Amino acid sequence: MTKSFLQNMMGDFLAKDVSPRNTDIFGNRIMREQLDLPVKVYEDQWTVLKNPNRLMRIFKFDNDFLMSKFVIKILKYQMRVDHHGTILIEHGEVRVEVYNFELRDITNADLKYAKNLDEFYDEIVTFVELDEGAL
């Protein structure tokens, strides 16, 4: 097997920069320009923050139980795909930021992460709307 997992997932990369920050988990060098950066933000709810470039969204909840279900879904997803964001939980809000820590920029993996979190949130909101409609 000549290609690393990361290379298979994101395409063939040729390396120019030899800094350790620009290598994948197997030590293969990644060239920043070959990741199709910058990427387009998945939805309007996500904001692009700078220094470093990262996606951010605040999810709002009126119910602590549903908020905890959402956070648990995020944690399970992160473990499954081995891609982790920064999660800040405050009263009624879950703030999520995600980017590629090695490249210090947004990649397609981050867009997929954002899309999945949007779907998790929509599932929970839809559940609440359906439940309230049954009353």
C-alpha atoms as a PDB file:
ATOM      1  CA  MET A   1       0.000   0.000   0.000  1.00  0.00           C
ATOM      2  CA  THR A   2       1.738   3.155  -1.191  1.00  0.00           C
ATOM      3  CA  LYS A   3      -0.871   5.755  -0.248  1.00  0.00           C
ATOM      4  CA  SER A   4      -1.776   6.726   3.289  1.00  0.00           C
ATOM      5  CA  PHE A   5      -5.369   6.722   4.461  1.00  0.00           C
ATOM      6  CA  LEU A   6      -5.444  10.533   4.393  1.00  0.00           C
ATOM      7  CA  GLN A   7      -4.097  10.627   0.863  1.00  0.00           C
ATOM      8  CA  ASN A   8      -6.746   8.151  -0.297  1.00  0.00           C
ATOM      9  CA  MET A   9      -9.474  10.208   1.357  1.00  0.00           C
ATOM     10  CA  MET A  10      -8.379  13.590   0.020  1.00  0.00           C
ATOM     11  CA  GLY A  11      -6.455  12.753  -3.142  1.00  0.00           C
ATOM     12  CA  ASP A  12      -2.801  12.514  -4.081  1.00  0.00           C
ATOM     13  CA  PHE A  13      -0.608  15.137  -2.518  1.00  0.00           C
ATOM     14  CA  LEU A  14       2.937  16.071  -3.376  1.00  0.00           C
ATOM     15  CA  ALA A  15       4.979  17.659  -0.641  1.00  0.00           C
ATOM     16  CA  LYS A  16       6.978  20.858  -0.820  1.00  0.00           C
ATOM     17  CA  ASP A  17       6.977  22.018   2.788  1.00  0.00           C
ATOM     18  CA  VAL A  18       8.805  19.699   5.164  1.00  0.00           C
ATOM     19  CA  SER A  19       7.556  21.179   8.444  1.00  0.00           C
ATOM     20  CA  PRO A  20       6.013  18.535  10.735  1.00  0.00           C
ATOM     21  CA  ARG A  21       2.785  20.533  10.827  1.00  0.00           C
ATOM     22  CA  ASN A  22       2.236  19.732   7.153  1.00  0.00           C
ATOM     23  CA  THR A  23       2.338  15.971   7.457  1.00  0.00           C
ATOM     24  CA  ASP A  24      -0.461  13.494   7.893  1.00  0.00           C
ATOM     25  CA  ILE A  25      -0.572  11.038  10.782  1.00  0.00           C
ATOM     26  CA  PHE A  26       1.712   8.688   8.856  1.00  0.00           C
ATOM     27  CA  GLY A  27       4.421  11.312   8.301  1.00  0.00           C
ATOM     28  CA  ASN A  28       3.606  11.843   4.630  1.00  0.00           C
ATOM     29  CA  ARG A  29       3.973  15.474   3.658  1.00  0.00           C
ATOM     30  CA  ILE A  30       0.891  17.387   2.524  1.00  0.00           C
ATOM     31  CA  MET A  31       1.012  20.393   0.270  1.00  0.00           C
ATOM     32  CA  ARG A  32      -1.534  23.002   1.345  1.00  0.00           C
ATOM     33  CA  GLU A  33      -2.370  24.137  -2.190  1.00  0.00           C
ATOM     34  CA  GLN A  34      -3.533  20.659  -3.152  1.00  0.00           C
ATOM     35  CA  LEU A  35      -6.433  20.556  -0.694  1.00  0.00           C
ATOM     36  CA  ASP A  36      -8.677  22.795  -2.820  1.00  0.00           C
ATOM     37  CA  LEU A  37      -8.527  25.587  -0.259  1.00  0.00           C
ATOM     38  CA  PRO A  38     -10.355  27.734   0.486  1.00  0.00           C
ATOM     39  CA  VAL A  39     -13.490  25.633   0.558  1.00  0.00           C
ATOM     40  CA  LYS A  40     -17.011  27.006   0.374  1.00  0.00           C
ATOM     41  CA  VAL A  41     -18.992  27.088   3.610  1.00  0.00           C
ATOM     42  CA  TYR A  42     -21.697  24.398   3.673  1.00  0.00           C
ATOM     43  CA  GLU A  43     -24.579  26.553   4.927  1.00  0.00           C
ATOM     44  CA  ASP A  44     -25.232  30.139   5.921  1.00  0.00           C
ATOM     45  CA  GLN A  45     -25.494  29.163   9.603  1.00  0.00           C
ATOM     46  CA  TRP A  46     -21.766  28.449   9.731  1.00  0.00           C
ATOM     47  CA  THR A  47     -19.407  31.411   9.969  1.00  0.00           C
ATOM     48  CA  VAL A  48     -15.804  31.428   8.815  1.00  0.00           C
ATOM     49  CA  LEU A  49     -13.545  32.789  11.561  1.00  0.00           C
ATOM     50  CA  LYS A  50      -9.969  33.883  10.879  1.00  0.00           C
ATOM     51  CA  ASN A  51      -6.532  33.199  12.427  1.00  0.00           C
ATOM     52  CA  PRO A  52      -6.742  30.316  11.819  1.00  0.00           C
ATOM     53  CA  ASN A  53      -9.540  29.904   9.279  1.00  0.00           C
ATOM     54  CA  ARG A  54     -12.230  27.745  10.902  1.00  0.00           C
ATOM     55  CA  LEU A  55     -15.929  27.046  10.731  1.00  0.00           C
ATOM     56  CA  MET A  56     -18.080  28.113  13.684  1.00  0.00           C
ATOM     57  CA  ARG A  57     -21.742  27.687  14.508  1.00  0.00           C
ATOM     58  CA  ILE A  58     -23.791  28.232  17.646  1.00  0.00           C
ATOM     59  CA  PHE A  59     -26.621  25.738  18.148  1.00  0.00           C
ATOM     60  CA  LYS A  60     -29.389  26.959  20.491  1.00  0.00           C
ATOM     61  CA  PHE A  61     -31.529  24.806  22.766  1.00  0.00           C
ATOM     62  CA  ASP A  62     -34.438  25.474  25.135  1.00  0.00           C
ATOM     63  CA  ASN A  63     -34.068  22.037  26.687  1.00  0.00           C
ATOM     64  CA  ASP A  64     -30.951  20.742  28.486  1.00  0.00           C
ATOM     65  CA  PHE A  65     -31.884  17.120  27.790  1.00  0.00           C
ATOM     66  CA  LEU A  66     -31.995  17.688  24.029  1.00  0.00           C
ATOM     67  CA  MET A  67     -28.806  19.725  24.198  1.00  0.00           C
ATOM     68  CA  SER A  68     -27.040  16.831  25.931  1.00  0.00           C
ATOM     69  CA  LYS A  69     -28.375  14.388  23.310  1.00  0.00           C
ATOM     70  CA  PHE A  70     -26.918  16.631  20.621  1.00  0.00           C
ATOM     71  CA  VAL A  71     -23.511  16.838  22.320  1.00  0.00           C
ATOM     72  CA  ILE A  72     -23.410  13.056  22.756  1.00  0.00           C
ATOM     73  CA  LYS A  73     -24.194  12.622  19.039  1.00  0.00           C
ATOM     74  CA  ILE A  74     -21.315  14.974  18.209  1.00  0.00           C
ATOM     75  CA  LEU A  75     -18.891  13.082  20.468  1.00  0.00           C
ATOM     76  CA  LYS A  76     -19.867   9.702  18.990  1.00  0.00           C
ATOM     77  CA  TYR A  77     -19.526  11.080  15.461  1.00  0.00           C
ATOM     78  CA  GLN A  78     -16.081  12.548  16.214  1.00  0.00           C
ATOM     79  CA  MET A  79     -14.846   9.217  17.550  1.00  0.00           C
ATOM     80  CA  ARG A  80     -16.222   7.355  14.538  1.00  0.00           C
ATOM     81  CA  VAL A  81     -14.618   9.615  11.911  1.00  0.00           C
ATOM     82  CA  ASP A  82     -11.540  10.583  13.975  1.00  0.00           C
ATOM     83  CA  HIS A  83     -12.047  14.280  13.265  1.00  0.00           C
ATOM     84  CA  HIS A  84     -12.611  16.546  16.245  1.00  0.00           C
ATOM     85  CA  GLY A  85     -13.891  20.062  16.683  1.00  0.00           C
ATOM     86  CA  THR A  86     -13.838  22.397  19.649  1.00  0.00           C
ATOM     87  CA  ILE A  87     -17.091  22.329  21.615  1.00  0.00           C
ATOM     88  CA  LEU A  88     -18.099  24.992  24.138  1.00  0.00           C
ATOM     89  CA  ILE A  89     -21.288  24.384  26.101  1.00  0.00           C
ATOM     90  CA  GLU A  90     -22.936  27.363  27.762  1.00  0.00           C
ATOM     91  CA  HIS A  91     -26.448  27.894  29.040  1.00  0.00           C
ATOM     92  CA  GLY A  92     -28.716  26.841  26.190  1.00  0.00           C
ATOM     93  CA  GLU A  93     -25.987  26.990  23.550  1.00  0.00           C
ATOM     94  CA  VAL A  94     -23.439  24.676  21.995  1.00  0.00           C
ATOM     95  CA  ARG A  95     -20.694  26.510  20.113  1.00  0.00           C
ATOM     96  CA  VAL A  96     -18.693  24.354  17.696  1.00  0.00           C
ATOM     97  CA  GLU A  97     -15.534  25.279  15.821  1.00  0.00           C
ATOM     98  CA  VAL A  98     -13.800  22.948  13.397  1.00  0.00           C
ATOM     99  CA  TYR A  99     -10.768  23.111  11.107  1.00  0.00           C
ATOM    100  CA  ASN A 100      -7.722  21.067  10.194  1.00  0.00           C
ATOM    101  CA  PHE A 101      -5.302  21.693  13.077  1.00  0.00           C
ATOM    102  CA  GLU A 102      -2.226  20.668  11.075  1.00  0.00           C
ATOM    103  CA  LEU A 103      -3.010  22.870   8.072  1.00  0.00           C
ATOM    104  CA  ARG A 104      -4.687  25.572  10.183  1.00  0.00           C
ATOM    105  CA  ASP A 105      -7.433  25.906   7.581  1.00  0.00           C
ATOM    106  CA  ILE A 106     -10.837  24.561   6.546  1.00  0.00           C
ATOM    107  CA  THR A 107     -10.864  21.344   4.502  1.00  0.00           C
ATOM    108  CA  ASN A 108     -13.551  19.174   2.958  1.00  0.00           C
ATOM    109  CA  ALA A 109     -13.477  16.998   6.097  1.00  0.00           C
ATOM    110  CA  ASP A 110     -14.580  20.066   8.059  1.00  0.00           C
ATOM    111  CA  LEU A 111     -17.423  20.706   5.632  1.00  0.00           C
ATOM    112  CA  LYS A 112     -18.565  17.111   6.046  1.00  0.00           C
ATOM    113  CA  TYR A 113     -18.353  17.535   9.830  1.00  0.00           C
ATOM    114  CA  ALA A 114     -20.493  20.706   9.609  1.00  0.00           C
ATOM    115  CA  LYS A 115     -23.046  18.997   7.368  1.00  0.00           C
ATOM    116  CA  ASN A 116     -23.391  16.095   9.789  1.00  0.00           C
ATOM    117  CA  LEU A 117     -23.848  18.406  12.776  1.00  0.00           C
ATOM    118  CA  ASP A 118     -26.526  20.312  10.866  1.00  0.00           C
ATOM    119  CA  GLU A 119     -28.321  17.020  10.231  1.00  0.00           C
ATOM    120  CA  PHE A 120     -28.047  16.008  13.907  1.00  0.00           C
ATOM    121  CA  TYR A 121     -29.474  19.370  14.969  1.00  0.00           C
ATOM    122  CA  ASP A 122     -32.300  19.188  12.412  1.00  0.00           C
ATOM    123  CA  GLU A 123     -33.216  15.700  13.667  1.00  0.00           C
ATOM    124  CA  ILE A 124     -33.495  16.969  17.234  1.00  0.00           C
ATOM    125  CA  VAL A 125     -35.454  20.097  16.270  1.00  0.00           C
ATOM    126  CA  THR A 126     -37.803  18.030  14.080  1.00  0.00           C
ATOM    127  CA  PHE A 127     -38.303  15.572  16.957  1.00  0.00           C
ATOM    128  CA  VAL A 128     -39.313  18.431  19.282  1.00  0.00           C
ATOM    129  CA  GLU A 129     -41.680  19.939  16.689  1.00  0.00           C
ATOM    130  CA  LEU A 130     -43.330  16.565  16.051  1.00  0.00           C
ATOM    131  CA  ASP A 131     -43.605  15.867  19.764  1.00  0.00           C
ATOM    132  CA  GLU A 132     -45.187  19.263  20.482  1.00  0.00           C
ATOM    133  CA  GLY A 133     -47.586  18.800  17.542  1.00  0.00           C
ATOM    134  CA  ALA A 134     -48.861  15.575  19.101  1.00  0.00           C
ATOM    135  CA  LEU A 135     -49.975  17.379  22.288  1.00  0.00           C
END
